[in-house]
C-alpha atoms as a PDB file:
ATOM      1  CA  MET A   1     -45.468  24.745 -23.689  1.00  0.00           C
ATOM      2  CA  SER A   2     -46.029  28.009 -22.206  1.00  0.00           C
ATOM      3  CA  SER A   3     -49.352  29.207 -22.734  1.00  0.00           C
ATOM      4  CA  THR A   4     -47.657  32.657 -23.928  1.00  0.00           C
ATOM      5  CA  THR A   5     -46.469  31.252 -26.720  1.00  0.00           C
ATOM      6  CA  LEU A   6     -49.525  30.190 -28.852  1.00  0.00           C
ATOM      7  CA  VAL A   7     -52.598  32.609 -29.620  1.00  0.00           C
ATOM      8  CA  ARG A   8     -55.670  29.965 -28.229  1.00  0.00           C
ATOM      9  CA  PRO A   9     -58.927  29.880 -29.933  1.00  0.00           C
ATOM     10  CA  THR A  10     -60.936  31.674 -27.101  1.00  0.00           C
ATOM     11  CA  ARG A  11     -58.380  34.715 -26.863  1.00  0.00           C
ATOM     12  CA  ARG A  12     -58.471  35.508 -30.651  1.00  0.00           C
ATOM     13  CA  ARG A  13     -62.052  34.752 -30.463  1.00  0.00           C
ATOM     14  CA  GLY A  14     -61.535  38.171 -28.307  1.00  0.00           C
ATOM     15  CA  LEU A  15     -59.522  40.419 -29.790  1.00  0.00           C
ATOM     16  CA  ARG A  16     -61.964  39.842 -33.164  1.00  0.00           C
ATOM     17  CA  ALA A  17     -64.282  40.785 -31.147  1.00  0.00           C
ATOM     18  CA  LEU A  18     -62.616  43.997 -29.235  1.00  0.00           C
ATOM     19  CA  GLY A  19     -61.752  45.090 -32.908  1.00  0.00           C
ATOM     20  CA  ALA A  20     -65.592  44.939 -33.850  1.00  0.00           C
ATOM     21  CA  VAL A  21     -66.454  47.471 -30.208  1.00  0.00           C
ATOM     22  CA  LEU A  22     -63.318  49.531 -31.422  1.00  0.00           C
ATOM     23  CA  VAL A  23     -64.764  50.318 -34.632  1.00  0.00           C
ATOM     24  CA  ALA A  24     -68.110  51.024 -33.526  1.00  0.00           C
ATOM     25  CA  MET A  25     -66.949  53.324 -31.322  1.00  0.00           C
ATOM     26  CA  ALA A  26     -64.052  54.764 -33.452  1.00  0.00           C
ATOM     27  CA  LEU A  27     -67.330  55.828 -35.985  1.00  0.00           C
ATOM     28  CA  ALA A  28     -69.361  56.617 -33.568  1.00  0.00           C
ATOM     29  CA  THR A  29     -66.457  59.438 -31.910  1.00  0.00           C
ATOM     30  CA  GLY A  30     -66.079  60.677 -35.291  1.00  0.00           C
ATOM     31  CA  ILE A  31     -62.576  59.050 -35.896  1.00  0.00           C
ATOM     32  CA  SER A  32     -62.181  58.208 -39.751  1.00  0.00           C
ATOM     33  CA  ALA A  33     -58.784  56.578 -40.325  1.00  0.00           C
ATOM     34  CA  CYS A  34     -56.853  53.545 -39.156  1.00  0.00           C
ATOM     35  CA  SER A  35     -53.746  54.900 -37.100  1.00  0.00           C
ATOM     36  CA  LEU A  36     -50.287  54.340 -39.070  1.00  0.00           C
ATOM     37  CA  ILE A  37     -48.978  54.218 -35.090  1.00  0.00           C
ATOM     38  CA  GLY A  38     -48.398  51.421 -32.914  1.00  0.00           C
ATOM     39  CA  GLY A  39     -47.857  47.716 -33.190  1.00  0.00           C
ATOM     40  CA  SER A  40     -45.110  45.453 -31.824  1.00  0.00           C
ATOM     41  CA  SER A  41     -45.977  42.388 -33.975  1.00  0.00           C
ATOM     42  CA  PRO A  42     -43.071  40.578 -36.117  1.00  0.00           C
ATOM     43  CA  VAL A  43     -43.563  42.007 -39.987  1.00  0.00           C
ATOM     44  CA  PRO A  44     -42.300  40.336 -42.967  1.00  0.00           C
ATOM     45  CA  SER A  45     -39.613  42.514 -45.001  1.00  0.00           C
ATOM     46  CA  SER A  46     -39.301  42.006 -48.642  1.00  0.00           C
ATOM     47  CA  THR A  47     -35.714  42.508 -49.635  1.00  0.00           C
ATOM     48  CA  ALA A  48     -36.485  42.236 -53.936  1.00  0.00           C
ATOM     49  CA  LYS A  49     -36.022  44.759 -56.248  1.00  0.00           C
ATOM     50  CA  ALA A  50     -39.118  47.269 -56.292  1.00  0.00           C
ATOM     51  CA  PRO A  51     -40.189  47.389 -59.806  1.00  0.00           C
ATOM     52  CA  THR A  52     -40.505  51.000 -61.946  1.00  0.00           C
ATOM     53  CA  GLY A  53     -42.024  52.633 -64.649  1.00  0.00           C
ATOM     54  CA  VAL A  54     -45.631  51.707 -65.697  1.00  0.00           C
ATOM     55  CA  ASP A  55     -46.539  48.190 -66.016  1.00  0.00           C
ATOM     56  CA  GLY A  56     -50.940  47.566 -67.022  1.00  0.00           C
ATOM     57  CA  ALA A  57     -53.129  49.478 -64.364  1.00  0.00           C
ATOM     58  CA  VAL A  58     -49.470  49.949 -62.084  1.00  0.00           C
ATOM     59  CA  ASN A  59     -47.643  53.246 -61.925  1.00  0.00           C
ATOM     60  CA  PHE A  60     -44.632  51.722 -59.890  1.00  0.00           C
ATOM     61  CA  ASP A  61     -43.125  55.530 -60.147  1.00  0.00           C
ATOM     62  CA  GLU A  62     -46.223  57.346 -59.062  1.00  0.00           C
ATOM     63  CA  ARG A  63     -47.343  54.051 -56.105  1.00  0.00           C
ATOM     64  CA  TYR A  64     -50.683  54.311 -57.657  1.00  0.00           C
ATOM     65  CA  ILE A  65     -52.664  51.622 -59.375  1.00  0.00           C
ATOM     66  CA  GLN A  66     -55.036  53.003 -61.704  1.00  0.00           C
ATOM     67  CA  ALA A  67     -59.152  52.535 -62.464  1.00  0.00           C
ATOM     68  CA  GLY A  68     -60.682  54.691 -65.078  1.00  0.00           C
ATOM     69  CA  THR A  69     -59.603  58.027 -67.388  1.00  0.00           C
ATOM     70  CA  GLY A  70     -61.610  60.606 -66.316  1.00  0.00           C
ATOM     71  CA  ASP A  71     -60.762  63.858 -66.743  1.00  0.00           C
ATOM     72  CA  LYS A  72     -61.415  64.812 -62.321  1.00  0.00           C
ATOM     73  CA  LYS A  73     -58.507  62.275 -60.004  1.00  0.00           C
ATOM     74  CA  VAL A  74     -59.802  60.268 -57.065  1.00  0.00           C
ATOM     75  CA  ASP A  75     -56.830  59.491 -54.928  1.00  0.00           C
ATOM     76  CA  LEU A  76     -57.340  56.637 -52.105  1.00  0.00           C
ATOM     77  CA  TRP A  77     -54.464  55.745 -49.487  1.00  0.00           C
ATOM     78  CA  PHE A  78     -56.061  52.377 -48.099  1.00  0.00           C
ATOM     79  CA  ASP A  79     -54.532  49.067 -46.394  1.00  0.00           C
ATOM     80  CA  PRO A  80     -56.482  45.905 -47.305  1.00  0.00           C
ATOM     81  CA  MET A  81     -56.729  44.664 -43.609  1.00  0.00           C
ATOM     82  CA  CYS A  82     -57.754  48.414 -42.456  1.00  0.00           C
ATOM     83  CA  PRO A  83     -61.750  47.941 -41.083  1.00  0.00           C
ATOM     84  CA  ILE A  84     -62.617  51.544 -41.306  1.00  0.00           C
ATOM     85  CA  CYS A  85     -61.350  51.346 -45.011  1.00  0.00           C
ATOM     86  CA  GLY A  86     -63.554  48.620 -45.317  1.00  0.00           C
ATOM     87  CA  ILE A  87     -66.299  50.765 -43.852  1.00  0.00           C
ATOM     88  CA  PHE A  88     -65.328  53.122 -46.556  1.00  0.00           C
ATOM     89  CA  GLU A  89     -65.691  50.757 -49.651  1.00  0.00           C
ATOM     90  CA  LYS A  90     -68.545  49.938 -48.476  1.00  0.00           C
ATOM     91  CA  THR A  91     -70.204  53.214 -47.903  1.00  0.00           C
ATOM     92  CA  ASN A  92     -68.537  54.950 -50.797  1.00  0.00           C
ATOM     93  CA  GLY A  93     -67.310  51.915 -53.408  1.00  0.00           C
ATOM     94  CA  GLU A  94     -70.580  51.864 -55.548  1.00  0.00           C
ATOM     95  CA  THR A  95     -70.354  55.372 -55.664  1.00  0.00           C
ATOM     96  CA  LEU A  96     -66.598  55.472 -57.319  1.00  0.00           C
ATOM     97  CA  SER A  97     -66.881  52.668 -59.233  1.00  0.00           C
ATOM     98  CA  LYS A  98     -69.930  53.971 -61.199  1.00  0.00           C
ATOM     99  CA  ALA A  99     -67.735  57.386 -61.453  1.00  0.00           C
ATOM    100  CA  VAL A 100     -64.747  54.975 -62.773  1.00  0.00           C
ATOM    101  CA  ALA A 101     -67.671  52.906 -66.052  1.00  0.00           C
ATOM    102  CA  ASP A 102     -69.593  56.563 -66.807  1.00  0.00           C
ATOM    103  CA  GLY A 103     -65.977  57.837 -67.194  1.00  0.00           C
ATOM    104  CA  SER A 104     -65.900  61.011 -64.869  1.00  0.00           C
ATOM    105  CA  ILE A 105     -63.595  60.028 -62.595  1.00  0.00           C
ATOM    106  CA  THR A 106     -59.729  58.400 -62.769  1.00  0.00           C
ATOM    107  CA  LEU A 107     -59.533  56.669 -59.605  1.00  0.00           C
ATOM    108  CA  ARG A 108     -55.853  55.962 -58.401  1.00  0.00           C
ATOM    109  CA  LEU A 109     -55.319  53.464 -55.202  1.00  0.00           C
ATOM    110  CA  HIS A 110     -52.422  53.914 -53.064  1.00  0.00           C
ATOM    111  CA  PRO A 111     -51.772  50.814 -51.274  1.00  0.00           C
ATOM    112  CA  LEU A 112     -49.880  50.529 -48.156  1.00  0.00           C
ATOM    113  CA  THR A 113     -49.301  47.838 -46.387  1.00  0.00           C
ATOM    114  CA  PHE A 114     -48.783  48.857 -42.288  1.00  0.00           C
ATOM    115  CA  LEU A 115     -51.050  46.326 -40.926  1.00  0.00           C
ATOM    116  CA  ASP A 116     -49.074  43.748 -41.758  1.00  0.00           C
ATOM    117  CA  ARG A 117     -48.365  43.862 -37.810  1.00  0.00           C
ATOM    118  CA  LEU A 118     -52.338  42.904 -37.038  1.00  0.00           C
ATOM    119  CA  SER A 119     -51.900  39.863 -39.164  1.00  0.00           C
ATOM    120  CA  ASN A 120     -49.826  37.437 -36.915  1.00  0.00           C
ATOM    121  CA  GLY A 121     -46.616  37.434 -38.519  1.00  0.00           C
ATOM    122  CA  THR A 122     -47.989  36.985 -41.553  1.00  0.00           C
ATOM    123  CA  GLY A 123     -47.858  39.903 -43.394  1.00  0.00           C
ATOM    124  CA  TYR A 124     -51.576  39.771 -44.595  1.00  0.00           C
ATOM    125  CA  SER A 125     -51.570  43.464 -45.789  1.00  0.00           C
ATOM    126  CA  THR A 126     -48.447  43.246 -47.951  1.00  0.00           C
ATOM    127  CA  ARG A 127     -49.933  39.601 -49.599  1.00  0.00           C
ATOM    128  CA  ALA A 128     -52.935  41.380 -50.392  1.00  0.00           C
ATOM    129  CA  VAL A 129     -51.120  44.308 -51.859  1.00  0.00           C
ATOM    130  CA  ALA A 130     -49.167  41.956 -53.823  1.00  0.00           C
ATOM    131  CA  ALA A 131     -52.266  39.973 -55.172  1.00  0.00           C
ATOM    132  CA  LEU A 132     -53.888  42.854 -56.301  1.00  0.00           C
ATOM    133  CA  THR A 133     -50.379  44.362 -58.335  1.00  0.00           C
ATOM    134  CA  CYS A 134     -50.255  41.117 -59.858  1.00  0.00           C
ATOM    135  CA  VAL A 135     -54.147  41.371 -61.416  1.00  0.00           C
ATOM    136  CA  ALA A 136     -53.171  44.983 -62.206  1.00  0.00           C
ATOM    137  CA  VAL A 137     -50.463  43.948 -64.177  1.00  0.00           C
ATOM    138  CA  LYS A 138     -51.831  40.773 -65.701  1.00  0.00           C
ATOM    139  CA  GLU A 139     -55.843  42.352 -66.436  1.00  0.00           C
ATOM    140  CA  PRO A 140     -55.267  46.185 -66.205  1.00  0.00           C
ATOM    141  CA  ALA A 141     -59.247  46.169 -67.065  1.00  0.00           C
ATOM    142  CA  ARG A 142     -59.791  43.799 -63.645  1.00  0.00           C
ATOM    143  CA  ALA A 143     -58.101  45.542 -61.014  1.00  0.00           C
ATOM    144  CA  LEU A 144     -60.988  47.708 -59.336  1.00  0.00           C
ATOM    145  CA  GLU A 145     -62.633  44.362 -59.395  1.00  0.00           C
ATOM    146  CA  TYR A 146     -60.101  42.595 -57.445  1.00  0.00           C
ATOM    147  CA  TYR A 147     -59.657  45.499 -55.018  1.00  0.00           C
ATOM    148  CA  GLN A 148     -63.470  45.679 -53.956  1.00  0.00           C
ATOM    149  CA  ALA A 149     -63.295  41.854 -54.277  1.00  0.00           C
ATOM    150  CA  LEU A 150     -60.607  42.125 -51.071  1.00  0.00           C
ATOM    151  CA  PHE A 151     -62.537  44.013 -49.194  1.00  0.00           C
ATOM    152  CA  SER A 152     -65.803  41.450 -49.737  1.00  0.00           C
ATOM    153  CA  ASN A 153     -63.395  39.021 -48.601  1.00  0.00           C
ATOM    154  CA  GLN A 154     -62.003  40.987 -45.808  1.00  0.00           C
ATOM    155  CA  PRO A 155     -60.515  39.529 -42.678  1.00  0.00           C
ATOM    156  CA  GLU A 156     -60.500  41.183 -39.338  1.00  0.00           C
ATOM    157  CA  GLU A 157     -57.269  42.495 -37.779  1.00  0.00           C
ATOM    158  CA  ASN A 158     -55.353  40.191 -34.939  1.00  0.00           C
ATOM    159  CA  SER A 159     -56.582  37.326 -37.723  1.00  0.00           C
ATOM    160  CA  ASP A 160     -53.940  35.854 -39.901  1.00  0.00           C
ATOM    161  CA  GLY A 161     -55.879  37.052 -43.041  1.00  0.00           C
ATOM    162  CA  LEU A 162     -56.486  35.542 -45.902  1.00  0.00           C
ATOM    163  CA  THR A 163     -53.741  33.034 -47.794  1.00  0.00           C
ATOM    164  CA  ASP A 164     -51.915  33.370 -50.914  1.00  0.00           C
ATOM    165  CA  LYS A 165     -54.251  30.068 -51.764  1.00  0.00           C
ATOM    166  CA  GLN A 166     -57.128  32.570 -51.339  1.00  0.00           C
ATOM    167  CA  LEU A 167     -55.912  35.234 -52.521  1.00  0.00           C
ATOM    168  CA  ALA A 168     -55.510  33.676 -55.939  1.00  0.00           C
ATOM    169  CA  LYS A 169     -59.181  31.997 -55.607  1.00  0.00           C
ATOM    170  CA  LEU A 170     -60.180  35.459 -54.823  1.00  0.00           C
ATOM    171  CA  ALA A 171     -59.367  36.186 -58.884  1.00  0.00           C
ATOM    172  CA  THR A 172     -60.351  32.603 -59.926  1.00  0.00           C
ATOM    173  CA  ASP A 173     -63.940  33.090 -58.254  1.00  0.00           C
ATOM    174  CA  ALA A 174     -64.176  36.737 -60.436  1.00  0.00           C
ATOM    175  CA  GLY A 175     -63.357  35.027 -63.575  1.00  0.00           C
ATOM    176  CA  ILE A 176     -59.874  37.507 -63.862  1.00  0.00           C
ATOM    177  CA  GLY A 177     -57.504  34.159 -64.408  1.00  0.00           C
ATOM    178  CA  ASP A 178     -55.485  32.559 -62.464  1.00  0.00           C
ATOM    179  CA  ILE A 179     -52.390  34.932 -60.125  1.00  0.00           C
ATOM    180  CA  SER A 180     -51.174  31.652 -58.457  1.00  0.00           C
ATOM    181  CA  ASN A 181     -47.696  32.017 -60.098  1.00  0.00           C
ATOM    182  CA  CYS A 182     -47.054  35.475 -60.037  1.00  0.00           C
ATOM    183  CA  LEU A 183     -48.150  35.347 -56.440  1.00  0.00           C
ATOM    184  CA  ALA A 184     -45.200  32.974 -55.739  1.00  0.00           C
ATOM    185  CA  ASP A 185     -42.574  35.497 -57.192  1.00  0.00           C
ATOM    186  CA  SER A 186     -44.142  38.196 -55.993  1.00  0.00           C
ATOM    187  CA  GLY A 187     -41.358  39.753 -54.130  1.00  0.00           C
ATOM    188  CA  PRO A 188     -40.634  42.625 -56.011  1.00  0.00           C
ATOM    189  CA  TYR A 189     -44.398  44.249 -55.896  1.00  0.00           C
ATOM    190  CA  GLN A 190     -44.020  43.346 -51.739  1.00  0.00           C
ATOM    191  CA  SER A 191     -41.364  45.424 -51.811  1.00  0.00           C
ATOM    192  CA  TRP A 192     -42.956  48.200 -53.918  1.00  0.00           C
ATOM    193  CA  ALA A 193     -45.888  48.182 -51.499  1.00  0.00           C
ATOM    194  CA  GLN A 194     -43.561  48.693 -48.260  1.00  0.00           C
ATOM    195  CA  ALA A 195     -41.710  50.663 -50.189  1.00  0.00           C
ATOM    196  CA  ASN A 196     -44.856  52.798 -50.659  1.00  0.00           C
ATOM    197  CA  THR A 197     -45.905  52.598 -46.794  1.00  0.00           C
ATOM    198  CA  ALA A 198     -42.398  54.053 -45.822  1.00  0.00           C
ATOM    199  CA  HIS A 199     -42.669  57.279 -48.090  1.00  0.00           C
ATOM    200  CA  SER A 200     -46.409  57.498 -46.805  1.00  0.00           C
ATOM    201  CA  GLN A 201     -44.649  58.381 -43.365  1.00  0.00           C
ATOM    202  CA  THR A 202     -42.077  60.223 -44.615  1.00  0.00           C
ATOM    203  CA  GLY A 203     -43.748  62.498 -47.244  1.00  0.00           C
ATOM    204  CA  PRO A 204     -43.616  64.766 -49.437  1.00  0.00           C
ATOM    205  CA  ILE A 205     -47.149  63.194 -50.586  1.00  0.00           C
ATOM    206  CA  THR A 206     -47.434  64.329 -54.355  1.00  0.00           C
ATOM    207  CA  VAL A 207     -49.893  63.962 -56.964  1.00  0.00           C
ATOM    208  CA  ASP A 208     -49.226  65.244 -60.841  1.00  0.00           C
ATOM    209  CA  GLY A 209     -46.823  66.746 -59.617  1.00  0.00           C
ATOM    210  CA  LYS A 210     -48.325  68.596 -56.702  1.00  0.00           C
ATOM    211  CA  LYS A 211     -47.656  68.321 -52.795  1.00  0.00           C
ATOM    212  CA  VAL A 212     -50.919  67.684 -51.400  1.00  0.00           C
ATOM    213  CA  LEU A 213     -49.618  66.364 -47.820  1.00  0.00           C
ATOM    214  CA  ASP A 214     -47.031  66.545 -45.950  1.00  0.00           C
ATOM    215  CA  ARG A 215     -47.410  62.324 -44.784  1.00  0.00           C
ATOM    216  CA  ILE A 216     -50.391  60.229 -44.534  1.00  0.00           C
ATOM    217  CA  GLU A 217     -51.695  60.243 -41.184  1.00  0.00           C
ATOM    218  CA  GLY A 218     -53.431  56.934 -41.221  1.00  0.00           C
ATOM    219  CA  THR A 219     -56.223  55.085 -43.685  1.00  0.00           C
ATOM    220  CA  PRO A 220     -58.339  55.927 -45.782  1.00  0.00           C
ATOM    221  CA  THR A 221     -56.902  58.982 -46.991  1.00  0.00           C
ATOM    222  CA  VAL A 222     -59.165  60.699 -49.804  1.00  0.00           C
ATOM    223  CA  LEU A 223     -58.782  63.505 -52.283  1.00  0.00           C
ATOM    224  CA  VAL A 224     -60.266  64.612 -54.758  1.00  0.00           C
ATOM    225  CA  ASP A 225     -58.458  66.229 -57.349  1.00  0.00           C
ATOM    226  CA  GLY A 226     -56.125  67.409 -54.730  1.00  0.00           C
ATOM    227  CA  LYS A 227     -58.725  68.410 -51.948  1.00  0.00           C
ATOM    228  CA  LEU A 228     -58.867  66.166 -48.607  1.00  0.00           C
ATOM    229  CA  PHE A 229     -62.237  64.895 -48.093  1.00  0.00           C
ATOM    230  CA  THR A 230     -62.908  65.306 -44.215  1.00  0.00           C
ATOM    231  CA  GLY A 231     -66.138  63.674 -43.421  1.00  0.00           C
ATOM    232  CA  LYS A 232     -67.328  60.606 -42.274  1.00  0.00           C
ATOM    233  CA  VAL A 233     -65.985  57.778 -43.776  1.00  0.00           C
ATOM    234  CA  ASP A 234     -69.578  55.956 -43.670  1.00  0.00           C
ATOM    235  CA  ASP A 235     -71.326  59.255 -44.488  1.00  0.00           C
ATOM    236  CA  GLY A 236     -72.354  58.681 -48.107  1.00  0.00           C
ATOM    237  CA  PRO A 237     -74.431  61.509 -48.715  1.00  0.00           C
ATOM    238  CA  ALA A 238     -71.393  63.965 -47.746  1.00  0.00           C
ATOM    239  CA  PHE A 239     -68.959  61.892 -49.909  1.00  0.00           C
ATOM    240  CA  ARG A 240     -71.241  62.288 -52.690  1.00  0.00           C
ATOM    241  CA  SER A 241     -71.588  65.780 -52.741  1.00  0.00           C
ATOM    242  CA  PHE A 242     -67.587  65.993 -51.956  1.00  0.00           C
ATOM    243  CA  LEU A 243     -67.463  64.520 -55.511  1.00  0.00           C
ATOM    244  CA  SER A 244     -69.586  66.367 -57.390  1.00  0.00           C
ATOM    245  CA  GLU A 245     -68.375  69.192 -56.153  1.00  0.00           C
ATOM    246  CA  ASN A 246     -64.905  69.139 -56.372  1.00  0.00           C
END
């Protein structure tokens, strides 16, 4: 067998090490998002019909999963495999979850799947979003908790990502409930996630009926009451100030 037909363990470790270096370089140079451009790996595409309407914590028509009911609206576009999203969550996740819990904000999670191209053909981002959607429909109050679990257990780019069994285990380990059957029949949720990604590139991006951006340029993209956060993803004080002032 030709060596070009498989990724050898040494090469895979090298890709992961390179990924860590690139993330460090990105932060050092002020880059604050994973790019939506590039990559040529095969990406599985769902052909099921995407859901519409509202079910549990999911607003399928407006393309978000909701946590909280506060007057201030925080909109966050993310990809489960994006390492910069992981850094944003590590830095600011507690701030957001506390604001959800105390009723200060409504957090609207807009899932994207463009990094499917970096999961060796397994479609990890799409499957992870489907798992999150399963939780958000079945146990709406636990959606943010599962979102946090995805990032606490975030796989590296250029890996296979978590299996469906492992994604389901994240839920049961947290006492959320078994989403195995939902994942096995999650084609509609996968289609919804992939349609969100396509729309993020064609735009316009609207929230509450108002245009806020032409398109999503990268993840994470964060808006507080329609205003774009432009600070560094690892600058917690800057984000807390932005959240408080807007």
